[in-house]
Protein backbone atom coordinates (compact mmCIF):
# COMPACT_ATOMS: atom_id res chain seq x y z
CA VAL A 1 -16.32 -5.96 -1.90
CA ILE A 2 -13.56 -4.66 -4.89
CA GLY A 3 -10.87 -2.49 -5.69
CA ASN A 4 -7.43 -1.32 -6.45
CA PRO A 5 -6.49 0.20 -3.26
CA PRO A 6 -3.67 3.14 -3.45
CA TRP A 7 -0.25 1.21 -3.42
CA GLU A 8 1.45 4.02 -1.11
CA ARG A 9 3.28 4.26 2.13
CA ILE A 10 1.86 6.38 4.44
CA LYS A 11 5.01 8.52 4.82
CA LEU A 12 5.39 12.12 3.01
CA GLN A 13 7.98 11.21 0.33
CA GLU A 14 9.66 14.20 -0.52
CA ARG A 15 11.37 13.64 -3.54
CA GLU A 16 7.61 13.01 -4.98
CA PHE A 17 6.33 16.15 -3.26
CA PHE A 18 8.99 18.38 -4.20
CA SER A 19 9.45 16.81 -7.67
CA LEU A 20 7.36 19.86 -9.75
CA PRO A 21 7.39 22.82 -7.07
CA ALA A 22 11.24 22.68 -5.97
CA PRO A 23 12.86 20.36 -8.63
CA GLU A 24 16.35 21.04 -6.52
CA ILE A 25 15.29 19.71 -3.59
CA ALA A 26 13.46 16.70 -5.16
CA THR A 27 17.00 15.76 -7.16
CA SER A 28 19.18 17.00 -4.04
CA THR A 29 21.73 13.93 -3.52
CA ASN A 30 20.85 13.10 -0.26
CA ALA A 31 18.63 13.67 2.96
CA ALA A 32 21.15 16.01 4.92
CA LYS A 33 21.29 18.53 2.03
CA ARG A 34 17.17 18.02 1.12
CA ARG A 35 16.75 19.35 4.90
CA LYS A 36 18.33 22.32 4.24
CA LEU A 37 16.74 23.13 1.51
CA VAL A 38 13.60 22.79 2.89
CA GLU A 39 14.57 25.04 5.98
CA LYS A 40 15.27 27.69 3.44
CA LEU A 41 11.73 27.31 2.29
CA GLU A 42 10.27 28.96 5.13
CA LYS A 43 11.61 32.17 4.15
CA GLN A 44 12.13 32.08 0.08
CA ASP A 45 8.62 30.29 -0.40
CA PRO A 46 6.38 30.36 2.59
CA PRO A 47 3.31 29.46 1.05
CA LEU A 48 5.45 25.90 -0.66
CA TYR A 49 6.49 25.66 3.18
CA GLY A 50 3.46 25.52 4.65
CA ARG A 51 1.85 23.24 2.41
CA TYR A 52 5.21 20.62 3.01
CA GLN A 53 4.08 21.22 6.88
CA GLU A 54 0.57 20.40 6.48
CA ALA A 55 1.36 17.40 4.38
CA LEU A 56 3.77 16.30 6.98
CA ALA A 57 0.85 16.81 9.30
CA ASN A 58 -1.42 14.69 7.53
CA ALA A 59 0.62 11.94 7.29
CA ASP A 60 1.88 12.02 10.29
CA ALA A 61 -1.89 11.86 11.76
CA LEU A 62 -2.89 8.85 9.54
CA LEU A 63 -0.07 6.93 10.54
CA THR A 64 -1.13 7.72 14.24
CA TYR A 65 -4.52 6.56 13.27
CA CYS A 66 -3.45 3.54 11.58
CA ARG A 67 -1.44 2.38 14.64
CA LYS A 68 -3.23 3.63 17.60
CA SER A 69 -6.77 3.48 17.02
CA GLU A 70 -7.19 0.07 17.25
CA GLU A 71 -9.43 0.01 13.77
CA TYR A 72 -6.62 -1.69 11.76
CA PRO A 73 -4.89 -4.48 14.51
CA LEU A 74 -3.61 -6.73 11.94
CA THR A 75 -1.73 -4.11 9.37
CA GLY A 76 -1.46 -1.40 11.62
CA ARG A 77 2.67 -1.55 12.49
CA GLY A 78 5.87 -1.01 10.76
CA ASP A 79 5.89 1.27 7.71
CA ILE A 80 2.19 0.89 7.17
CA ASN A 81 0.91 1.04 2.89
CA LEU A 82 -2.19 2.15 2.34
CA TYR A 83 -3.15 -1.05 0.40
CA ALA A 84 -2.73 -3.21 3.19
CA VAL A 85 -4.82 -0.70 5.38
CA PHE A 86 -7.54 -0.82 3.21
CA ALA A 87 -7.41 -4.77 2.50
CA GLU A 88 -7.95 -5.22 6.40
CA LEU A 89 -10.97 -3.01 5.99
CA ALA A 90 -12.36 -5.16 3.34
CA TYR A 91 -11.42 -8.13 5.53
CA LYS A 92 -13.61 -6.13 8.09
CA ILE A 93 -17.17 -5.12 6.23
CA VAL A 94 -17.36 -7.81 3.57
CA ALA A 95 -21.12 -9.81 4.60
CA PRO A 96 -19.93 -13.16 5.58
CA GLN A 97 -21.00 -14.79 2.86
CA GLY A 98 -19.74 -11.88 0.52
CA ARG A 99 -16.48 -12.05 -1.48
CA VAL A 100 -13.63 -10.01 -1.93
CA GLY A 101 -11.48 -9.09 -4.95
CA LEU A 102 -8.44 -6.70 -4.85
CA LEU A 103 -5.43 -5.50 -6.75
CA THR A 104 -2.57 -5.41 -4.16
CA PRO A 105 1.49 -5.22 -4.42
CA SER A 106 2.13 -9.15 -3.67
CA GLY A 107 3.48 -8.31 -0.81
CA ILE A 108 0.21 -8.69 0.70
CA ALA A 109 1.13 -12.38 0.99
CA SER A 110 4.74 -11.78 1.92
CA ASP A 111 5.71 -8.46 3.92
CA ASN A 112 6.66 -8.83 7.41
CA THR A 113 3.99 -5.71 8.12
CA THR A 114 1.27 -8.09 6.46
CA LYS A 115 2.26 -11.24 7.71
CA ASN A 116 -0.67 -11.04 10.34
CA PHE A 117 -3.24 -9.84 7.98
CA PHE A 118 -2.61 -12.67 5.37
CA ALA A 119 -2.31 -15.15 8.40
CA ALA A 120 -5.22 -14.23 9.28
CA VAL A 121 -7.28 -15.17 5.50
CA ALA A 122 -5.46 -17.82 5.53
CA GLU A 123 -5.70 -19.62 8.92
CA THR A 124 -9.52 -19.07 8.92
CA ASN A 125 -9.96 -20.75 5.13
CA ARG A 126 -11.22 -17.75 3.98
CA LEU A 127 -8.31 -17.39 1.24
CA ILE A 128 -9.62 -18.26 -2.28
CA ARG A 129 -6.91 -17.56 -4.67
CA LEU A 130 -3.32 -15.38 -5.09
CA PHE A 131 -2.63 -14.68 -8.76
CA ASP A 132 0.89 -13.27 -8.45
CA PHE A 133 2.13 -11.55 -11.60
CA GLU A 134 5.18 -9.76 -12.47
CA ASN A 135 5.10 -5.98 -14.15
CA LYS A 136 6.91 -7.54 -17.45
CA LYS A 137 3.96 -6.56 -19.42
CA ILE A 138 4.14 -2.92 -18.21
CA TYR A 139 0.18 -3.32 -17.00
CA PHE A 140 0.95 -0.45 -14.90
CA PRO A 141 3.76 1.75 -17.01
CA GLU A 142 4.11 4.16 -13.76
CA VAL A 143 5.46 0.57 -11.82
CA HIS A 144 8.87 -0.86 -12.71
CA ALA A 145 8.83 -3.97 -15.16
CA SER A 146 10.26 -5.92 -12.24
CA PHE A 147 7.13 -5.12 -9.51
CA LYS A 148 4.89 -8.01 -8.47
CA PHE A 149 1.56 -7.34 -7.95
CA CYS A 150 -1.37 -9.81 -7.18
CA ILE A 151 -4.72 -10.45 -7.66
CA LEU A 152 -6.11 -11.21 -3.72
CA ASN A 153 -9.39 -12.97 -3.50
CA PHE A 154 -11.37 -14.07 -0.22
CA GLY A 155 -14.33 -14.19 1.33
CA GLY A 156 -16.38 -12.87 4.43
CA SER A 157 -16.57 -14.88 7.83
CA ALA A 158 -19.00 -17.37 6.94
CA ALA A 159 -17.81 -18.31 3.54
CA GLU A 160 -15.42 -21.35 4.18
CA SER A 161 -12.82 -22.33 0.93
CA THR A 162 -11.62 -25.75 1.23
CA ALA A 163 -8.61 -25.21 -1.00
CA ALA A 164 -7.12 -21.63 -2.49
CA ASP A 165 -5.14 -21.19 -5.94
CA PHE A 166 -1.75 -19.84 -6.44
CA ILE A 167 -0.23 -19.06 -9.49
CA PHE A 168 3.10 -17.30 -9.42
CA PHE A 169 5.31 -15.07 -11.74
CA VAL A 170 2.69 -14.52 -14.18
CA HIS A 171 3.42 -12.14 -16.85
CA ASP A 172 0.27 -13.07 -19.02
CA ILE A 173 -3.13 -13.07 -18.53
CA ASP A 174 -3.24 -16.12 -21.03
CA GLU A 175 -0.76 -18.10 -18.52
CA LEU A 176 -4.28 -18.31 -15.72
């Protein structure tokens, strides 16, 4: 299983949603002001308001599914990020002797909401490597230069690794 899952929270980001169709909402100084501007949309721009309500409902439905379906017991909690859910899905579907290689934020190994997932991978000796990078070389132009991401590699249930390789704060591929 190889992937670069989406690095987005399952929560509608109003500033992002309104950045193109309603920049005055996206750039408003606080949430209360944004809420008032959004309320005005119901009469001023019903189609945009409808798309916003649909996007809110979709995000809420996905959050509810991740939290309540029992499909994601390791990552379906707190402020859920799609990369974590994808990582748990890869953990479940990889063949017993298979391998997983994912490009995710480094928080997969350190965030409170992913600690159970990472512990499950590490404590079952499935972890092969975690190579942690800072985005200083701007590998991802849309991501802040100080943001950390990693290559996470682990095996299936029958593919035990006796020792995992870790590298942190890599700035250049040559450092590997």
